[in-house]
Amino acid sequence: MKTLKIQIPNMQSSHCQMRVNNALSTISDASSITTKPGEASLTLPIETSVLDVITIIEKAGYYVTDISEDDMNLFHHTETENKHAHC
Protein backbone atom coordinates (compact mmCIF):
# COMPACT_ATOMS: atom_id res chain seq x y z
CA MET A 1 0.00 0.00 0.00
CA LYS A 2 1.04 3.60 -0.60
CA THR A 3 -0.30 6.84 0.82
CA LEU A 4 -0.62 9.81 -1.53
CA LYS A 5 -0.91 13.48 -0.60
CA ILE A 6 -2.52 15.39 -3.49
CA GLN A 7 -2.61 19.16 -3.98
CA ILE A 8 -5.90 20.25 -5.59
CA PRO A 9 -6.00 24.07 -5.50
CA ASN A 10 -9.51 24.48 -6.90
CA MET A 11 -11.05 22.22 -4.22
CA GLN A 12 -11.86 24.66 -1.43
CA SER A 13 -15.46 24.35 -0.22
CA SER A 14 -16.93 21.41 1.66
CA HIS A 15 -19.06 20.64 -1.41
CA CYS A 16 -15.94 20.43 -3.58
CA GLN A 17 -14.22 18.25 -0.99
CA MET A 18 -17.22 15.91 -0.99
CA ARG A 19 -17.13 15.65 -4.81
CA VAL A 20 -13.42 14.77 -4.80
CA ASN A 21 -13.88 12.34 -1.91
CA ASN A 22 -16.67 10.58 -3.81
CA ALA A 23 -14.55 10.43 -6.98
CA LEU A 24 -11.56 8.98 -5.12
CA SER A 25 -13.86 6.42 -3.47
CA THR A 26 -14.42 4.85 -6.88
CA ILE A 27 -10.79 3.65 -6.97
CA SER A 28 -10.61 -0.04 -6.21
CA ASP A 29 -9.23 -0.73 -2.70
CA ALA A 30 -8.72 2.97 -1.89
CA SER A 31 -8.90 3.67 1.84
CA SER A 32 -8.26 6.38 4.41
CA ILE A 33 -9.54 9.06 2.03
CA THR A 34 -9.47 12.53 3.59
CA THR A 35 -9.95 15.96 2.09
CA LYS A 36 -9.40 19.48 3.33
CA PRO A 37 -9.26 22.76 1.40
CA GLY A 38 -6.78 22.31 -1.44
CA GLU A 39 -5.58 18.85 -0.41
CA ALA A 40 -6.60 15.21 -0.43
CA SER A 41 -4.86 12.11 0.86
CA LEU A 42 -5.60 8.43 0.45
CA THR A 43 -4.05 4.99 0.73
CA LEU A 44 -3.91 2.84 -2.40
CA PRO A 45 -2.50 -0.49 -3.57
CA ILE A 46 1.05 -0.11 -4.92
CA GLU A 47 -0.08 -1.08 -8.41
CA THR A 48 -2.57 1.81 -8.72
CA SER A 49 -1.21 4.38 -11.16
CA VAL A 50 -0.79 8.01 -10.13
CA LEU A 51 -2.02 8.96 -13.62
CA ASP A 52 -5.27 7.07 -12.94
CA VAL A 53 -5.74 9.11 -9.76
CA ILE A 54 -5.14 12.37 -11.64
CA THR A 55 -7.62 11.34 -14.36
CA ILE A 56 -10.33 10.59 -11.79
CA ILE A 57 -9.83 13.98 -10.12
CA GLU A 58 -9.89 15.78 -13.47
CA LYS A 59 -13.09 13.98 -14.51
CA ALA A 60 -14.67 15.31 -11.31
CA GLY A 61 -13.82 18.86 -12.49
CA TYR A 62 -10.64 19.59 -10.53
CA TYR A 63 -6.93 19.77 -11.29
CA VAL A 64 -3.86 18.43 -9.55
CA THR A 65 -0.68 20.46 -9.08
CA ASP A 66 1.34 18.07 -6.92
CA ILE A 67 1.29 14.49 -5.65
CA SER A 68 3.71 13.11 -3.10
CA GLU A 69 4.18 9.77 -1.41
CA ASP A 70 6.08 9.57 1.86
CA ASP A 71 7.66 12.99 1.20
CA MET A 72 8.76 11.88 -2.30
CA ASN A 73 7.37 14.02 -5.10
CA LEU A 74 5.70 11.86 -7.75
CA PHE A 75 4.07 14.57 -9.84
CA HIS A 76 4.41 18.33 -10.03
CA HIS A 77 2.54 20.55 -12.45
CA THR A 78 3.01 24.32 -12.30
CA GLU A 79 1.05 25.34 -15.41
CA THR A 80 -2.14 26.92 -14.13
CA GLU A 81 -3.22 29.09 -17.07
CA ASN A 82 -6.93 28.76 -17.68
CA LYS A 83 -7.26 27.01 -14.33
CA HIS A 84 -9.71 29.02 -12.30
CA ALA A 85 -11.07 28.22 -8.89
CA HIS A 86 -13.86 25.70 -9.13
CA CYS A 87 -15.51 26.77 -5.89
C-alpha atoms as a PDB file:
ATOM      1  CA  MET A   1       0.000   0.000   0.000  1.00  0.00           C
ATOM      2  CA  LYS A   2       1.039   3.598  -0.598  1.00  0.00           C
ATOM      3  CA  THR A   3      -0.304   6.839   0.815  1.00  0.00           C
ATOM      4  CA  LEU A   4      -0.615   9.812  -1.534  1.00  0.00           C
ATOM      5  CA  LYS A   5      -0.912  13.484  -0.602  1.00  0.00           C
ATOM      6  CA  ILE A   6      -2.521  15.385  -3.491  1.00  0.00           C
ATOM      7  CA  GLN A   7      -2.607  19.161  -3.981  1.00  0.00           C
ATOM      8  CA  ILE A   8      -5.903  20.247  -5.586  1.00  0.00           C
ATOM      9  CA  PRO A   9      -6.002  24.074  -5.501  1.00  0.00           C
ATOM     10  CA  ASN A  10      -9.511  24.476  -6.902  1.00  0.00           C
ATOM     11  CA  MET A  11     -11.050  22.218  -4.217  1.00  0.00           C
ATOM     12  CA  GLN A  12     -11.860  24.662  -1.430  1.00  0.00           C
ATOM     13  CA  SER A  13     -15.459  24.354  -0.224  1.00  0.00           C
ATOM     14  CA  SER A  14     -16.931  21.408   1.661  1.00  0.00           C
ATOM     15  CA  HIS A  15     -19.060  20.641  -1.405  1.00  0.00           C
ATOM     16  CA  CYS A  16     -15.937  20.426  -3.578  1.00  0.00           C
ATOM     17  CA  GLN A  17     -14.225  18.251  -0.987  1.00  0.00           C
ATOM     18  CA  MET A  18     -17.217  15.905  -0.987  1.00  0.00           C
ATOM     19  CA  ARG A  19     -17.125  15.646  -4.812  1.00  0.00           C
ATOM     20  CA  VAL A  20     -13.425  14.773  -4.801  1.00  0.00           C
ATOM     21  CA  ASN A  21     -13.880  12.341  -1.907  1.00  0.00           C
ATOM     22  CA  ASN A  22     -16.674  10.582  -3.810  1.00  0.00           C
ATOM     23  CA  ALA A  23     -14.548  10.434  -6.975  1.00  0.00           C
ATOM     24  CA  LEU A  24     -11.561   8.977  -5.117  1.00  0.00           C
ATOM     25  CA  SER A  25     -13.857   6.425  -3.466  1.00  0.00           C
ATOM     26  CA  THR A  26     -14.418   4.849  -6.882  1.00  0.00           C
ATOM     27  CA  ILE A  27     -10.794   3.655  -6.971  1.00  0.00           C
ATOM     28  CA  SER A  28     -10.608  -0.042  -6.206  1.00  0.00           C
ATOM     29  CA  ASP A  29      -9.233  -0.730  -2.703  1.00  0.00           C
ATOM     30  CA  ALA A  30      -8.723   2.971  -1.890  1.00  0.00           C
ATOM     31  CA  SER A  31      -8.902   3.665   1.837  1.00  0.00           C
ATOM     32  CA  SER A  32      -8.264   6.384   4.411  1.00  0.00           C
ATOM     33  CA  ILE A  33      -9.545   9.062   2.034  1.00  0.00           C
ATOM     34  CA  THR A  34      -9.474  12.529   3.588  1.00  0.00           C
ATOM     35  CA  THR A  35      -9.951  15.960   2.092  1.00  0.00           C
ATOM     36  CA  LYS A  36      -9.398  19.480   3.334  1.00  0.00           C
ATOM     37  CA  PRO A  37      -9.263  22.759   1.404  1.00  0.00           C
ATOM     38  CA  GLY A  38      -6.782  22.310  -1.437  1.00  0.00           C
ATOM     39  CA  GLU A  39      -5.583  18.853  -0.414  1.00  0.00           C
ATOM     40  CA  ALA A  40      -6.598  15.205  -0.426  1.00  0.00           C
ATOM     41  CA  SER A  41      -4.865  12.106   0.863  1.00  0.00           C
ATOM     42  CA  LEU A  42      -5.596   8.433   0.454  1.00  0.00           C
ATOM     43  CA  THR A  43      -4.048   4.989   0.727  1.00  0.00           C
ATOM     44  CA  LEU A  44      -3.913   2.836  -2.403  1.00  0.00           C
ATOM     45  CA  PRO A  45      -2.504  -0.486  -3.567  1.00  0.00           C
ATOM     46  CA  ILE A  46       1.049  -0.111  -4.915  1.00  0.00           C
ATOM     47  CA  GLU A  47      -0.080  -1.084  -8.415  1.00  0.00           C
ATOM     48  CA  THR A  48      -2.568   1.811  -8.720  1.00  0.00           C
ATOM     49  CA  SER A  49      -1.214   4.381 -11.161  1.00  0.00           C
ATOM     50  CA  VAL A  50      -0.791   8.013 -10.129  1.00  0.00           C
ATOM     51  CA  LEU A  51      -2.019   8.957 -13.621  1.00  0.00           C
ATOM     52  CA  ASP A  52      -5.268   7.073 -12.944  1.00  0.00           C
ATOM     53  CA  VAL A  53      -5.740   9.108  -9.758  1.00  0.00           C
ATOM     54  CA  ILE A  54      -5.143  12.369 -11.643  1.00  0.00           C
ATOM     55  CA  THR A  55      -7.617  11.341 -14.359  1.00  0.00           C
ATOM     56  CA  ILE A  56     -10.328  10.590 -11.792  1.00  0.00           C
ATOM     57  CA  ILE A  57      -9.830  13.979 -10.120  1.00  0.00           C
ATOM     58  CA  GLU A  58      -9.891  15.782 -13.471  1.00  0.00           C
ATOM     59  CA  LYS A  59     -13.089  13.981 -14.514  1.00  0.00           C
ATOM     60  CA  ALA A  60     -14.665  15.312 -11.307  1.00  0.00           C
ATOM     61  CA  GLY A  61     -13.820  18.857 -12.486  1.00  0.00           C
ATOM     62  CA  TYR A  62     -10.641  19.589 -10.528  1.00  0.00           C
ATOM     63  CA  TYR A  63      -6.925  19.773 -11.291  1.00  0.00           C
ATOM     64  CA  VAL A  64      -3.857  18.429  -9.545  1.00  0.00           C
ATOM     65  CA  THR A  65      -0.683  20.461  -9.082  1.00  0.00           C
ATOM     66  CA  ASP A  66       1.335  18.073  -6.922  1.00  0.00           C
ATOM     67  CA  ILE A  67       1.291  14.493  -5.646  1.00  0.00           C
ATOM     68  CA  SER A  68       3.708  13.111  -3.097  1.00  0.00           C
ATOM     69  CA  GLU A  69       4.177   9.768  -1.413  1.00  0.00           C
ATOM     70  CA  ASP A  70       6.082   9.572   1.865  1.00  0.00           C
ATOM     71  CA  ASP A  71       7.661  12.994   1.195  1.00  0.00           C
ATOM     72  CA  MET A  72       8.761  11.877  -2.297  1.00  0.00           C
ATOM     73  CA  ASN A  73       7.368  14.023  -5.096  1.00  0.00           C
ATOM     74  CA  LEU A  74       5.700  11.857  -7.752  1.00  0.00           C
ATOM     75  CA  PHE A  75       4.069  14.571  -9.843  1.00  0.00           C
ATOM     76  CA  HIS A  76       4.408  18.329 -10.031  1.00  0.00           C
ATOM     77  CA  HIS A  77       2.543  20.547 -12.452  1.00  0.00           C
ATOM     78  CA  THR A  78       3.006  24.320 -12.305  1.00  0.00           C
ATOM     79  CA  GLU A  79       1.049  25.344 -15.412  1.00  0.00           C
ATOM     80  CA  THR A  80      -2.135  26.922 -14.133  1.00  0.00           C
ATOM     81  CA  GLU A  81      -3.221  29.093 -17.068  1.00  0.00           C
ATOM     82  CA  ASN A  82      -6.934  28.756 -17.682  1.00  0.00           C
ATOM     83  CA  LYS A  83      -7.257  27.006 -14.329  1.00  0.00           C
ATOM     84  CA  HIS A  84      -9.714  29.023 -12.300  1.00  0.00           C
ATOM     85  CA  ALA A  85     -11.072  28.225  -8.888  1.00  0.00           C
ATOM     86  CA  HIS A  86     -13.861  25.698  -9.129  1.00  0.00           C
ATOM     87  CA  CYS A  87     -15.513  26.773  -5.885  1.00  0.00           C
END
